[in-house]
């Protein structure tokens, strides 16, 4: 005679069925609400996995819509390059953080309402800012975690980039990518050695000092 399913097993199967139903018919907002209301950590984890799937599904649908509305076909190589760049920004966010102007001001000891501090420093070539979704964000790797000040290499590196017509975005991506000028290391991994990083930039960008 088959063993009777335990209450826990039935509960887990019910949670799984609910998760599948949410995946088929719900959006991210509904899933976020369901995660908050989950009765157990297991249910919450399962719903978060479903949320990841829904987020991916929605992103693919938006991408398909945008591509369908372009006036011309996008070459596969261009699509791959764009996706690789987006992945690099997301990896940078995950590893170092991308700070808002308000967060930079607070970290520097300025008033949290001082939204011009970061932009002023960026315009003066003292702070590396990248433009994402019509707003500037500031990679966390440029700040010394002990003093919260901007690392000394940033100013000279930005000056070098300007002379060689390199955008701030290209500088940020270069800093977080392996380079043969550092034996395959990323410049960001040597960011406290200003001379070494600047020499690597000289080699990569062809700057004459």
C-alpha atoms as a PDB file:
ATOM      1  CA  UNK A   1       0.000   0.000   0.000  1.00  0.00           C
ATOM      2  CA  UNK A   2       1.574   3.357  -0.957  1.00  0.00           C
ATOM      3  CA  UNK A   3       2.737   5.493   1.886  1.00  0.00           C
ATOM      4  CA  UNK A   4       0.497   8.436   2.698  1.00  0.00           C
ATOM      5  CA  UNK A   5       2.034  11.752   1.759  1.00  0.00           C
ATOM      6  CA  UNK A   6       3.084  13.820   4.739  1.00  0.00           C
ATOM      7  CA  UNK A   7       1.557  17.191   5.469  1.00  0.00           C
ATOM      8  CA  UNK A   8       4.930  18.790   4.692  1.00  0.00           C
ATOM      9  CA  UNK A   9       5.080  17.100   1.282  1.00  0.00           C
ATOM     10  CA  UNK A  10       1.579  18.232   0.428  1.00  0.00           C
ATOM     11  CA  UNK A  11       2.462  21.735   1.557  1.00  0.00           C
ATOM     12  CA  UNK A  12       5.576  21.813  -0.619  1.00  0.00           C
ATOM     13  CA  UNK A  13       3.643  20.582  -3.632  1.00  0.00           C
ATOM     14  CA  UNK A  14       0.998  23.226  -3.051  1.00  0.00           C
ATOM     15  CA  UNK A  15       3.691  25.894  -2.882  1.00  0.00           C
ATOM     16  CA  UNK A  16       5.229  24.612  -6.109  1.00  0.00           C
ATOM     17  CA  UNK A  17       1.842  24.638  -7.843  1.00  0.00           C
ATOM     18  CA  UNK A  18       1.270  28.202  -6.658  1.00  0.00           C
ATOM     19  CA  UNK A  19       4.714  29.202  -7.934  1.00  0.00           C
ATOM     20  CA  UNK A  20       3.986  27.730 -11.372  1.00  0.00           C
ATOM     21  CA  UNK A  21       0.653  29.561 -11.477  1.00  0.00           C
ATOM     22  CA  UNK A  22       2.410  32.821 -10.642  1.00  0.00           C
ATOM     23  CA  UNK A  23       5.002  32.167 -13.321  1.00  0.00           C
ATOM     24  CA  UNK A  24       2.304  31.709 -15.947  1.00  0.00           C
ATOM     25  CA  UNK A  25       0.001  34.555 -15.047  1.00  0.00           C
ATOM     26  CA  UNK A  26       1.768  37.100 -12.843  1.00  0.00           C
ATOM     27  CA  UNK A  27       4.210  39.928 -13.208  1.00  0.00           C
ATOM     28  CA  UNK A  28       7.105  41.059 -11.059  1.00  0.00           C
ATOM     29  CA  UNK A  29       4.935  43.194  -8.755  1.00  0.00           C
ATOM     30  CA  UNK A  30       2.613  40.325  -7.898  1.00  0.00           C
ATOM     31  CA  UNK A  31       5.566  38.046  -7.241  1.00  0.00           C
ATOM     32  CA  UNK A  32       7.255  40.585  -4.987  1.00  0.00           C
ATOM     33  CA  UNK A  33       4.057  40.791  -2.954  1.00  0.00           C
ATOM     34  CA  UNK A  34       3.850  36.996  -2.795  1.00  0.00           C
ATOM     35  CA  UNK A  35       7.458  36.786  -1.566  1.00  0.00           C
ATOM     36  CA  UNK A  36       6.680  39.241   1.236  1.00  0.00           C
ATOM     37  CA  UNK A  37       3.661  37.161   2.246  1.00  0.00           C
ATOM     38  CA  UNK A  38       5.402  33.772   2.021  1.00  0.00           C
ATOM     39  CA  UNK A  39       4.796  31.651   5.103  1.00  0.00           C
ATOM     40  CA  UNK A  40       8.155  29.821   5.116  1.00  0.00           C
ATOM     41  CA  UNK A  41      11.754  30.488   4.001  1.00  0.00           C
ATOM     42  CA  UNK A  42      11.424  27.613   1.520  1.00  0.00           C
ATOM     43  CA  UNK A  43       8.380  29.200  -0.072  1.00  0.00           C
ATOM     44  CA  UNK A  44      10.167  32.543  -0.245  1.00  0.00           C
ATOM     45  CA  UNK A  45      13.200  30.990  -1.978  1.00  0.00           C
ATOM     46  CA  UNK A  46      11.009  29.245  -4.524  1.00  0.00           C
ATOM     47  CA  UNK A  47       9.098  32.396  -5.271  1.00  0.00           C
ATOM     48  CA  UNK A  48      12.340  34.336  -5.684  1.00  0.00           C
ATOM     49  CA  UNK A  49      13.432  31.770  -8.264  1.00  0.00           C
ATOM     50  CA  UNK A  50      10.135  32.285 -10.065  1.00  0.00           C
ATOM     51  CA  UNK A  51      10.641  36.061  -9.886  1.00  0.00           C
ATOM     52  CA  UNK A  52      14.012  35.645 -11.586  1.00  0.00           C
ATOM     53  CA  UNK A  53      12.332  33.686 -14.380  1.00  0.00           C
ATOM     54  CA  UNK A  54       9.579  36.274 -14.765  1.00  0.00           C
ATOM     55  CA  UNK A  55      12.123  39.106 -14.847  1.00  0.00           C
ATOM     56  CA  UNK A  56      14.058  37.260 -17.547  1.00  0.00           C
ATOM     57  CA  UNK A  57      10.862  36.571 -19.509  1.00  0.00           C
ATOM     58  CA  UNK A  58       9.793  40.208 -19.341  1.00  0.00           C
ATOM     59  CA  UNK A  59      13.252  41.404 -20.390  1.00  0.00           C
ATOM     60  CA  UNK A  60      13.232  39.115 -23.424  1.00  0.00           C
ATOM     61  CA  UNK A  61       9.755  40.306 -24.392  1.00  0.00           C
ATOM     62  CA  UNK A  62      10.799  43.960 -24.125  1.00  0.00           C
ATOM     63  CA  UNK A  63      13.908  43.263 -26.180  1.00  0.00           C
ATOM     64  CA  UNK A  64      11.894  41.488 -28.863  1.00  0.00           C
ATOM     65  CA  UNK A  65       9.462  44.414 -28.987  1.00  0.00           C
ATOM     66  CA  UNK A  66      12.254  46.978 -29.285  1.00  0.00           C
ATOM     67  CA  UNK A  67      14.013  44.996 -32.014  1.00  0.00           C
ATOM     68  CA  UNK A  68      10.777  44.618 -33.968  1.00  0.00           C
ATOM     69  CA  UNK A  69      10.324  48.401 -33.965  1.00  0.00           C
ATOM     70  CA  UNK A  70      13.798  49.273 -35.208  1.00  0.00           C
ATOM     71  CA  UNK A  71      13.909  50.693 -38.751  1.00  0.00           C
ATOM     72  CA  UNK A  72      16.658  48.264 -39.779  1.00  0.00           C
ATOM     73  CA  UNK A  73      17.932  44.850 -38.762  1.00  0.00           C
ATOM     74  CA  UNK A  74      20.591  44.758 -36.057  1.00  0.00           C
ATOM     75  CA  UNK A  75      23.721  42.783 -37.034  1.00  0.00           C
ATOM     76  CA  UNK A  76      24.322  39.834 -34.669  1.00  0.00           C
ATOM     77  CA  UNK A  77      27.803  41.107 -33.834  1.00  0.00           C
ATOM     78  CA  UNK A  78      26.373  44.443 -32.694  1.00  0.00           C
ATOM     79  CA  UNK A  79      23.773  42.667 -30.574  1.00  0.00           C
ATOM     80  CA  UNK A  80      26.426  40.513 -28.935  1.00  0.00           C
ATOM     81  CA  UNK A  81      28.639  43.529 -28.245  1.00  0.00           C
ATOM     82  CA  UNK A  82      25.752  45.447 -26.690  1.00  0.00           C
ATOM     83  CA  UNK A  83      24.852  42.499 -24.473  1.00  0.00           C
ATOM     84  CA  UNK A  84      28.473  42.001 -23.419  1.00  0.00           C
ATOM     85  CA  UNK A  85      28.694  45.660 -22.414  1.00  0.00           C
ATOM     86  CA  UNK A  86      25.455  45.448 -20.448  1.00  0.00           C
ATOM     87  CA  UNK A  87      26.724  42.333 -18.689  1.00  0.00           C
ATOM     88  CA  UNK A  88      29.915  44.202 -17.787  1.00  0.00           C
ATOM     89  CA  UNK A  89      27.925  47.043 -16.191  1.00  0.00           C
ATOM     90  CA  UNK A  90      25.892  44.566 -14.181  1.00  0.00           C
ATOM     91  CA  UNK A  91      29.021  42.747 -13.042  1.00  0.00           C
ATOM     92  CA  UNK A  92      30.524  46.088 -11.995  1.00  0.00           C
ATOM     93  CA  UNK A  93      27.378  46.859 -10.013  1.00  0.00           C
ATOM     94  CA  UNK A  94      27.492  43.485  -8.273  1.00  0.00           C
ATOM     95  CA  UNK A  95      31.194  43.608  -7.403  1.00  0.00           C
ATOM     96  CA  UNK A  96      31.820  47.267  -6.597  1.00  0.00           C
ATOM     97  CA  UNK A  97      28.479  49.043  -6.543  1.00  0.00           C
ATOM     98  CA  UNK A  98      27.395  51.981  -8.684  1.00  0.00           C
ATOM     99  CA  UNK A  99      26.625  54.890  -6.372  1.00  0.00           C
ATOM    100  CA  UNK A 100      24.081  57.616  -6.961  1.00  0.00           C
ATOM    101  CA  UNK A 101      24.999  61.292  -6.631  1.00  0.00           C
ATOM    102  CA  UNK A 102      23.284  61.430  -3.238  1.00  0.00           C
ATOM    103  CA  UNK A 103      25.241  58.406  -2.005  1.00  0.00           C
ATOM    104  CA  UNK A 104      28.526  59.934  -3.184  1.00  0.00           C
ATOM    105  CA  UNK A 105      27.748  63.194  -1.395  1.00  0.00           C
ATOM    106  CA  UNK A 106      26.898  61.360   1.820  1.00  0.00           C
ATOM    107  CA  UNK A 107      30.065  59.284   1.606  1.00  0.00           C
ATOM    108  CA  UNK A 108      32.140  62.434   1.174  1.00  0.00           C
ATOM    109  CA  UNK A 109      30.525  64.028   4.206  1.00  0.00           C
ATOM    110  CA  UNK A 110      28.469  66.472   2.203  1.00  0.00           C
ATOM    111  CA  UNK A 111      24.795  66.987   2.859  1.00  0.00           C
ATOM    112  CA  UNK A 112      22.608  64.170   1.517  1.00  0.00           C
ATOM    113  CA  UNK A 113      20.551  66.848  -0.189  1.00  0.00           C
ATOM    114  CA  UNK A 114      23.638  68.115  -2.041  1.00  0.00           C
ATOM    115  CA  UNK A 115      22.960  66.637  -5.476  1.00  0.00           C
ATOM    116  CA  UNK A 116      25.549  68.845  -7.191  1.00  0.00           C
ATOM    117  CA  UNK A 117      28.619  67.605  -5.281  1.00  0.00           C
ATOM    118  CA  UNK A 118      29.189  64.523  -7.434  1.00  0.00           C
ATOM    119  CA  UNK A 119      28.472  66.306 -10.715  1.00  0.00           C
ATOM    120  CA  UNK A 120      30.820  69.151  -9.766  1.00  0.00           C
ATOM    121  CA  UNK A 121      33.627  66.686  -9.022  1.00  0.00           C
ATOM    122  CA  UNK A 122      32.909  64.783 -12.217  1.00  0.00           C
ATOM    123  CA  UNK A 123      33.031  67.933 -14.369  1.00  0.00           C
ATOM    124  CA  UNK A 124      36.340  68.901 -12.778  1.00  0.00           C
ATOM    125  CA  UNK A 125      37.835  65.533 -13.719  1.00  0.00           C
ATOM    126  CA  UNK A 126      38.140  64.360 -10.125  1.00  0.00           C
ATOM    127  CA  UNK A 127      35.463  61.669 -10.145  1.00  0.00           C
ATOM    128  CA  UNK A 128      34.617  58.898 -12.589  1.00  0.00           C
ATOM    129  CA  UNK A 129      30.944  58.906 -13.516  1.00  0.00           C
ATOM    130  CA  UNK A 130      29.160  56.739 -16.056  1.00  0.00           C
ATOM    131  CA  UNK A 131      25.813  57.455 -17.641  1.00  0.00           C
ATOM    132  CA  UNK A 132      23.171  54.797 -17.129  1.00  0.00           C
ATOM    133  CA  UNK A 133      19.509  55.317 -18.028  1.00  0.00           C
ATOM    134  CA  UNK A 134      19.837  59.097 -18.251  1.00  0.00           C
ATOM    135  CA  UNK A 135      21.555  59.421 -14.876  1.00  0.00           C
ATOM    136  CA  UNK A 136      25.172  59.420 -13.752  1.00  0.00           C
ATOM    137  CA  UNK A 137      26.384  56.653 -11.453  1.00  0.00           C
ATOM    138  CA  UNK A 138      29.776  56.406  -9.778  1.00  0.00           C
ATOM    139  CA  UNK A 139      31.709  53.099  -9.564  1.00  0.00           C
ATOM    140  CA  UNK A 140      32.537  52.203  -5.986  1.00  0.00           C
ATOM    141  CA  UNK A 141      36.065  51.014  -6.772  1.00  0.00           C
ATOM    142  CA  UNK A 142      37.310  54.607  -7.038  1.00  0.00           C
ATOM    143  CA  UNK A 143      36.673  55.279  -3.348  1.00  0.00           C
ATOM    144  CA  UNK A 144      39.127  54.294  -0.616  1.00  0.00           C
ATOM    145  CA  UNK A 145      37.088  52.216   1.858  1.00  0.00           C
ATOM    146  CA  UNK A 146      39.073  53.496   4.832  1.00  0.00           C
ATOM    147  CA  UNK A 147      39.015  57.225   4.160  1.00  0.00           C
ATOM    148  CA  UNK A 148      36.032  57.279   1.717  1.00  0.00           C
ATOM    149  CA  UNK A 149      38.080  59.718  -0.375  1.00  0.00           C
ATOM    150  CA  UNK A 150      38.612  59.289  -4.102  1.00  0.00           C
ATOM    151  CA  UNK A 151      41.729  57.252  -4.860  1.00  0.00           C
ATOM    152  CA  UNK A 152      44.695  59.348  -6.103  1.00  0.00           C
ATOM    153  CA  UNK A 153      44.916  57.553  -9.461  1.00  0.00           C
ATOM    154  CA  UNK A 154      41.468  58.669 -10.631  1.00  0.00           C
ATOM    155  CA  UNK A 155      42.281  62.310 -11.448  1.00  0.00           C
ATOM    156  CA  UNK A 156      45.417  61.602 -13.516  1.00  0.00           C
ATOM    157  CA  UNK A 157      43.717  58.662 -15.205  1.00  0.00           C
ATOM    158  CA  UNK A 158      40.767  60.818 -16.254  1.00  0.00           C
ATOM    159  CA  UNK A 159      43.141  63.524 -17.492  1.00  0.00           C
ATOM    160  CA  UNK A 160      44.954  60.938 -19.589  1.00  0.00           C
ATOM    161  CA  UNK A 161      41.665  59.604 -20.939  1.00  0.00           C
ATOM    162  CA  UNK A 162      40.557  63.113 -21.924  1.00  0.00           C
ATOM    163  CA  UNK A 163      43.783  63.720 -23.825  1.00  0.00           C
ATOM    164  CA  UNK A 164      43.302  60.488 -25.702  1.00  0.00           C
ATOM    165  CA  UNK A 165      39.570  61.099 -26.265  1.00  0.00           C
ATOM    166  CA  UNK A 166      38.438  58.205 -24.100  1.00  0.00           C
ATOM    167  CA  UNK A 167      34.980  58.390 -22.571  1.00  0.00           C
ATOM    168  CA  UNK A 168      34.377  57.859 -18.868  1.00  0.00           C
ATOM    169  CA  UNK A 169      32.433  54.713 -19.729  1.00  0.00           C
ATOM    170  CA  UNK A 170      35.395  53.274 -21.647  1.00  0.00           C
ATOM    171  CA  UNK A 171      37.698  54.088 -18.711  1.00  0.00           C
ATOM    172  CA  UNK A 172      35.427  52.255 -16.268  1.00  0.00           C
ATOM    173  CA  UNK A 173      35.213  49.219 -18.545  1.00  0.00           C
ATOM    174  CA  UNK A 174      38.982  49.230 -19.097  1.00  0.00           C
ATOM    175  CA  UNK A 175      39.640  49.343 -15.374  1.00  0.00           C
ATOM    176  CA  UNK A 176      37.523  46.246 -14.791  1.00  0.00           C
ATOM    177  CA  UNK A 177      38.754  44.185 -17.754  1.00  0.00           C
ATOM    178  CA  UNK A 178      41.900  42.017 -18.003  1.00  0.00           C
ATOM    179  CA  UNK A 179      44.780  43.627 -19.870  1.00  0.00           C
ATOM    180  CA  UNK A 180      48.032  42.257 -21.233  1.00  0.00           C
ATOM    181  CA  UNK A 181      49.774  45.347 -19.837  1.00  0.00           C
ATOM    182  CA  UNK A 182      49.249  43.869 -16.370  1.00  0.00           C
ATOM    183  CA  UNK A 183      49.883  40.232 -17.313  1.00  0.00           C
ATOM    184  CA  UNK A 184      46.182  39.525 -17.646  1.00  0.00           C
ATOM    185  CA  UNK A 185      45.150  41.257 -14.404  1.00  0.00           C
ATOM    186  CA  UNK A 186      42.507  43.934 -14.262  1.00  0.00           C
ATOM    187  CA  UNK A 187      43.741  47.479 -13.596  1.00  0.00           C
ATOM    188  CA  UNK A 188      41.186  47.768 -10.782  1.00  0.00           C
ATOM    189  CA  UNK A 189      43.043  45.003  -8.937  1.00  0.00           C
ATOM    190  CA  UNK A 190      46.098  47.305  -8.815  1.00  0.00           C
ATOM    191  CA  UNK A 191      44.214  50.544  -8.294  1.00  0.00           C
ATOM    192  CA  UNK A 192      46.252  51.560  -5.240  1.00  0.00           C
ATOM    193  CA  UNK A 193      49.424  51.420  -7.338  1.00  0.00           C
ATOM    194  CA  UNK A 194      48.837  54.599  -9.319  1.00  0.00           C
ATOM    195  CA  UNK A 195      52.101  54.448 -11.276  1.00  0.00           C
ATOM    196  CA  UNK A 196      51.401  50.892 -12.409  1.00  0.00           C
ATOM    197  CA  UNK A 197      47.847  51.653 -13.508  1.00  0.00           C
ATOM    198  CA  UNK A 198      48.871  54.834 -15.335  1.00  0.00           C
ATOM    199  CA  UNK A 199      51.672  52.975 -17.102  1.00  0.00           C
ATOM    200  CA  UNK A 200      49.197  50.315 -18.191  1.00  0.00           C
ATOM    201  CA  UNK A 201      46.886  53.033 -19.503  1.00  0.00           C
ATOM    202  CA  UNK A 202      49.830  54.544 -21.384  1.00  0.00           C
ATOM    203  CA  UNK A 203      50.420  51.236 -23.074  1.00  0.00           C
ATOM    204  CA  UNK A 204      46.767  50.576 -23.807  1.00  0.00           C
ATOM    205  CA  UNK A 205      45.851  54.078 -24.984  1.00  0.00           C
ATOM    206  CA  UNK A 206      49.148  55.130 -26.553  1.00  0.00           C
ATOM    207  CA  UNK A 207      49.533  58.165 -24.292  1.00  0.00           C
ATOM    208  CA  UNK A 208      52.893  59.907 -24.199  1.00  0.00           C
ATOM    209  CA  UNK A 209      53.823  61.179 -20.759  1.00  0.00           C
END
